[in-house]
Each structure stands twice: as structure tokens, then as C-alpha cells.
N, C-alpha and C. Protein backbone atom coordinates (compact mmCIF):
# COMPACT_ATOMS: atom_id res chain seq x y z
N LEU A 1 18.62 8.02 -3.06
CA LEU A 1 17.97 7.08 -2.15
C LEU A 1 17.75 7.65 -0.75
N LEU A 2 18.28 8.81 -0.47
CA LEU A 2 18.11 9.39 0.86
C LEU A 2 16.65 9.63 1.25
N PRO A 3 15.76 10.03 0.35
CA PRO A 3 14.36 10.19 0.75
C PRO A 3 13.69 8.87 1.17
N VAL A 4 14.28 7.75 0.79
CA VAL A 4 13.70 6.46 1.16
C VAL A 4 13.97 6.12 2.63
N LEU A 5 15.04 6.66 3.18
CA LEU A 5 15.41 6.33 4.56
C LEU A 5 14.30 6.63 5.58
N PRO A 6 13.58 7.75 5.48
CA PRO A 6 12.49 7.97 6.45
C PRO A 6 11.39 6.92 6.38
N MET A 7 11.30 6.21 5.27
CA MET A 7 10.28 5.17 5.16
C MET A 7 10.55 4.02 6.12
N VAL A 8 11.80 3.85 6.54
CA VAL A 8 12.10 2.85 7.57
C VAL A 8 11.39 3.25 8.86
N GLY A 9 11.38 4.54 9.15
CA GLY A 9 10.65 5.04 10.33
C GLY A 9 9.15 4.84 10.19
N VAL A 10 8.63 5.01 8.98
CA VAL A 10 7.20 4.79 8.75
C VAL A 10 6.86 3.32 8.97
N ALA A 11 7.70 2.43 8.47
CA ALA A 11 7.47 0.99 8.66
C ALA A 11 7.51 0.63 10.15
N PHE A 12 8.46 1.22 10.87
CA PHE A 12 8.55 0.96 12.31
C PHE A 12 7.32 1.50 13.04
N ALA A 13 6.84 2.68 12.63
CA ALA A 13 5.65 3.26 13.26
C ALA A 13 4.42 2.40 12.98
N LEU A 14 4.29 1.87 11.77
CA LEU A 14 3.18 0.98 11.46
C LEU A 14 3.25 -0.30 12.29
N TYR A 15 4.44 -0.82 12.43
CA TYR A 15 4.62 -2.03 13.25
C TYR A 15 4.18 -1.76 14.70
N ARG A 16 4.60 -0.63 15.24
CA ARG A 16 4.23 -0.29 16.61
C ARG A 16 2.73 -0.07 16.75
N ALA A 17 2.12 0.56 15.74
CA ALA A 17 0.67 0.79 15.79
C ALA A 17 -0.10 -0.52 15.79
N VAL A 18 0.35 -1.47 14.98
CA VAL A 18 -0.32 -2.78 14.96
C VAL A 18 -0.12 -3.49 16.28
N GLN A 19 1.06 -3.39 16.87
CA GLN A 19 1.33 -4.06 18.14
C GLN A 19 0.51 -3.47 19.28
N ARG A 20 0.23 -2.17 19.24
CA ARG A 20 -0.51 -1.51 20.31
C ARG A 20 -2.01 -1.66 20.19
N ALA A 21 -2.49 -2.01 19.00
CA ALA A 21 -3.93 -2.06 18.77
C ALA A 21 -4.55 -3.28 19.45
N ASP A 22 -5.85 -3.15 19.74
CA ASP A 22 -6.57 -4.30 20.26
C ASP A 22 -6.84 -5.27 19.10
N GLU A 23 -7.53 -6.38 19.40
CA GLU A 23 -7.70 -7.41 18.39
C GLU A 23 -8.47 -6.92 17.17
N TYR A 24 -9.56 -6.19 17.40
CA TYR A 24 -10.35 -5.70 16.27
C TYR A 24 -9.55 -4.71 15.44
N GLY A 25 -8.88 -3.77 16.10
CA GLY A 25 -8.08 -2.79 15.38
C GLY A 25 -6.96 -3.44 14.60
N ARG A 26 -6.37 -4.46 15.16
CA ARG A 26 -5.29 -5.18 14.48
C ARG A 26 -5.81 -5.89 13.23
N ILE A 27 -6.97 -6.51 13.35
CA ILE A 27 -7.56 -7.20 12.20
C ILE A 27 -7.88 -6.21 11.09
N VAL A 28 -8.47 -5.07 11.47
CA VAL A 28 -8.84 -4.07 10.47
C VAL A 28 -7.59 -3.50 9.80
N MET A 29 -6.57 -3.15 10.58
CA MET A 29 -5.34 -2.60 10.00
C MET A 29 -4.67 -3.58 9.06
N LEU A 30 -4.55 -4.83 9.48
CA LEU A 30 -3.89 -5.82 8.64
C LEU A 30 -4.71 -6.14 7.39
N GLU A 31 -6.04 -6.14 7.51
CA GLU A 31 -6.89 -6.37 6.35
C GLU A 31 -6.72 -5.23 5.33
N CYS A 32 -6.68 -4.00 5.81
CA CYS A 32 -6.52 -2.86 4.92
C CYS A 32 -5.14 -2.86 4.27
N MET A 33 -4.12 -3.20 5.04
CA MET A 33 -2.77 -3.28 4.47
C MET A 33 -2.70 -4.39 3.41
N ALA A 34 -3.34 -5.52 3.68
CA ALA A 34 -3.31 -6.63 2.73
C ALA A 34 -4.02 -6.26 1.44
N LEU A 35 -5.16 -5.59 1.53
CA LEU A 35 -5.87 -5.20 0.32
C LEU A 35 -5.08 -4.14 -0.46
N GLY A 36 -4.44 -3.22 0.25
CA GLY A 36 -3.60 -2.24 -0.42
C GLY A 36 -2.42 -2.89 -1.12
N PHE A 37 -1.81 -3.86 -0.45
CA PHE A 37 -0.69 -4.58 -1.05
C PHE A 37 -1.15 -5.36 -2.28
N GLY A 38 -2.28 -6.03 -2.18
CA GLY A 38 -2.80 -6.78 -3.32
C GLY A 38 -3.11 -5.89 -4.51
N ALA A 39 -3.72 -4.74 -4.25
CA ALA A 39 -4.04 -3.81 -5.33
C ALA A 39 -2.77 -3.27 -5.97
N SER A 40 -1.76 -2.98 -5.17
CA SER A 40 -0.52 -2.48 -5.75
C SER A 40 0.21 -3.57 -6.54
N MET A 41 0.10 -4.80 -6.13
CA MET A 41 0.73 -5.88 -6.88
C MET A 41 0.01 -6.10 -8.21
N ILE A 42 -1.31 -5.98 -8.22
CA ILE A 42 -2.05 -6.10 -9.48
C ILE A 42 -1.65 -4.97 -10.43
N ALA A 43 -1.55 -3.74 -9.89
CA ALA A 43 -1.12 -2.61 -10.71
C ALA A 43 0.30 -2.82 -11.22
N SER A 44 1.16 -3.36 -10.38
CA SER A 44 2.54 -3.62 -10.78
C SER A 44 2.60 -4.66 -11.89
N MET A 45 1.81 -5.71 -11.78
CA MET A 45 1.78 -6.72 -12.84
C MET A 45 1.24 -6.15 -14.14
N ALA A 46 0.21 -5.32 -14.05
CA ALA A 46 -0.37 -4.72 -15.25
C ALA A 46 0.67 -3.83 -15.93
N LEU A 47 1.40 -3.02 -15.16
CA LEU A 47 2.45 -2.19 -15.75
C LEU A 47 3.57 -3.04 -16.32
N GLY A 48 3.88 -4.15 -15.67
CA GLY A 48 4.90 -5.06 -16.20
C GLY A 48 4.50 -5.66 -17.53
N PHE A 49 3.23 -6.06 -17.65
CA PHE A 49 2.76 -6.60 -18.92
C PHE A 49 2.74 -5.53 -20.00
N LEU A 50 2.35 -4.30 -19.63
CA LEU A 50 2.37 -3.21 -20.60
C LEU A 50 3.81 -2.91 -21.04
N GLY A 51 4.75 -3.00 -20.09
CA GLY A 51 6.15 -2.80 -20.44
C GLY A 51 6.65 -3.87 -21.38
N GLY A 52 6.10 -5.08 -21.25
CA GLY A 52 6.50 -6.17 -22.13
C GLY A 52 6.10 -5.96 -23.58
N ILE A 53 5.05 -5.18 -23.81
CA ILE A 53 4.64 -4.92 -25.20
C ILE A 53 5.11 -3.55 -25.68
N GLY A 54 5.94 -2.89 -24.88
CA GLY A 54 6.55 -1.65 -25.34
C GLY A 54 5.98 -0.38 -24.76
N VAL A 55 4.97 -0.46 -23.91
CA VAL A 55 4.41 0.73 -23.28
C VAL A 55 5.13 0.96 -21.96
N ALA A 56 5.91 2.02 -21.89
CA ALA A 56 6.68 2.30 -20.68
C ALA A 56 6.26 3.66 -20.12
N TRP A 57 5.95 3.68 -18.83
CA TRP A 57 5.57 4.92 -18.16
C TRP A 57 6.65 5.30 -17.18
N THR A 58 7.08 6.52 -17.23
CA THR A 58 8.14 6.96 -16.31
C THR A 58 7.61 7.13 -14.90
N PHE A 59 6.31 7.32 -14.75
CA PHE A 59 5.73 7.50 -13.42
C PHE A 59 5.02 6.24 -12.94
N GLY A 60 5.40 5.10 -13.47
CA GLY A 60 4.74 3.84 -13.13
C GLY A 60 4.83 3.50 -11.65
N GLY A 61 5.97 3.81 -11.02
CA GLY A 61 6.11 3.54 -9.58
C GLY A 61 5.14 4.35 -8.76
N TRP A 62 4.93 5.59 -9.15
CA TRP A 62 3.96 6.43 -8.43
C TRP A 62 2.54 5.95 -8.66
N LEU A 63 2.28 5.41 -9.83
CA LEU A 63 0.96 4.86 -10.10
C LEU A 63 0.69 3.65 -9.21
N VAL A 64 1.67 2.78 -9.08
CA VAL A 64 1.53 1.60 -8.22
C VAL A 64 1.33 2.04 -6.77
N PHE A 65 2.13 3.01 -6.32
CA PHE A 65 2.00 3.54 -4.96
C PHE A 65 0.61 4.14 -4.75
N GLY A 66 0.14 4.92 -5.71
CA GLY A 66 -1.17 5.54 -5.60
C GLY A 66 -2.30 4.54 -5.55
N VAL A 67 -2.21 3.50 -6.34
CA VAL A 67 -3.24 2.45 -6.33
C VAL A 67 -3.26 1.75 -4.98
N GLY A 68 -2.09 1.43 -4.45
CA GLY A 68 -2.03 0.76 -3.15
C GLY A 68 -2.57 1.62 -2.02
N MET A 69 -2.18 2.89 -2.00
CA MET A 69 -2.65 3.78 -0.93
C MET A 69 -4.14 4.08 -1.06
N THR A 70 -4.63 4.17 -2.29
CA THR A 70 -6.06 4.39 -2.50
C THR A 70 -6.86 3.18 -2.01
N ALA A 71 -6.38 1.99 -2.31
CA ALA A 71 -7.07 0.79 -1.84
C ALA A 71 -7.02 0.70 -0.33
N TRP A 72 -5.89 1.04 0.28
CA TRP A 72 -5.75 1.00 1.73
C TRP A 72 -6.72 1.97 2.38
N SER A 73 -6.72 3.23 1.92
CA SER A 73 -7.59 4.23 2.53
C SER A 73 -9.06 3.97 2.21
N GLY A 74 -9.33 3.46 1.01
CA GLY A 74 -10.71 3.11 0.67
C GLY A 74 -11.25 2.00 1.56
N THR A 75 -10.41 1.03 1.85
CA THR A 75 -10.84 -0.05 2.75
C THR A 75 -11.08 0.49 4.16
N LEU A 76 -10.25 1.41 4.61
CA LEU A 76 -10.48 2.03 5.92
C LEU A 76 -11.80 2.77 5.96
N LEU A 77 -12.12 3.48 4.88
CA LEU A 77 -13.39 4.21 4.83
C LEU A 77 -14.58 3.26 4.82
N VAL A 78 -14.47 2.17 4.06
CA VAL A 78 -15.57 1.21 4.01
C VAL A 78 -15.75 0.53 5.36
N ARG A 79 -14.65 0.22 6.03
CA ARG A 79 -14.74 -0.43 7.35
C ARG A 79 -15.19 0.53 8.43
N GLY A 80 -15.15 1.84 8.16
CA GLY A 80 -15.63 2.82 9.12
C GLY A 80 -14.63 3.16 10.21
N VAL A 81 -13.35 2.92 9.98
CA VAL A 81 -12.33 3.23 10.97
C VAL A 81 -11.69 4.55 10.60
N ARG A 82 -11.61 5.45 11.57
CA ARG A 82 -11.00 6.76 11.30
C ARG A 82 -9.79 6.96 12.14
């Protein structure tokens, strides 16, 4: 679990970035985070249902993470924020 500890710093950095942003930047960041979270939850549910019928993937957590980050970055690209 030691590699997870730096993620606390990432969460704190994201919090600070949202707090420092102006209103438009804050809306865009929170919208992108929300869409990434929603996409990762859909992927998580799909993997859960697949696990219920006997299909188990050892890299399922990375798949959920990848789907969420792809949705987050894709939303940023569509919104035109760099």
C-alpha cells in the first residue's frame, strides 16, 4: 500500500488547483472530473457484473483507472483546455 500514499498528495494538489482557479476553470475542471468519475463507475459496474458470471480480470482495477483517466483527458481536449 505504500505506492498509494503519494496519491494523497495528488488529491491535495487537485484540491488546491480547483481552489486557485477562476470560475470558468473551476467549472471545467469539476466537469471533467465528474465525467471521469462517472465513466470509471460504469466500467467498475460492468466488471462487477462480469465477475458475477465468472469472468474475472486480474487487471480490472487498471482498466477502471484507464477508463476514468481517458474520459477525464478526453473531456479536457473537447473543452479545449490545456
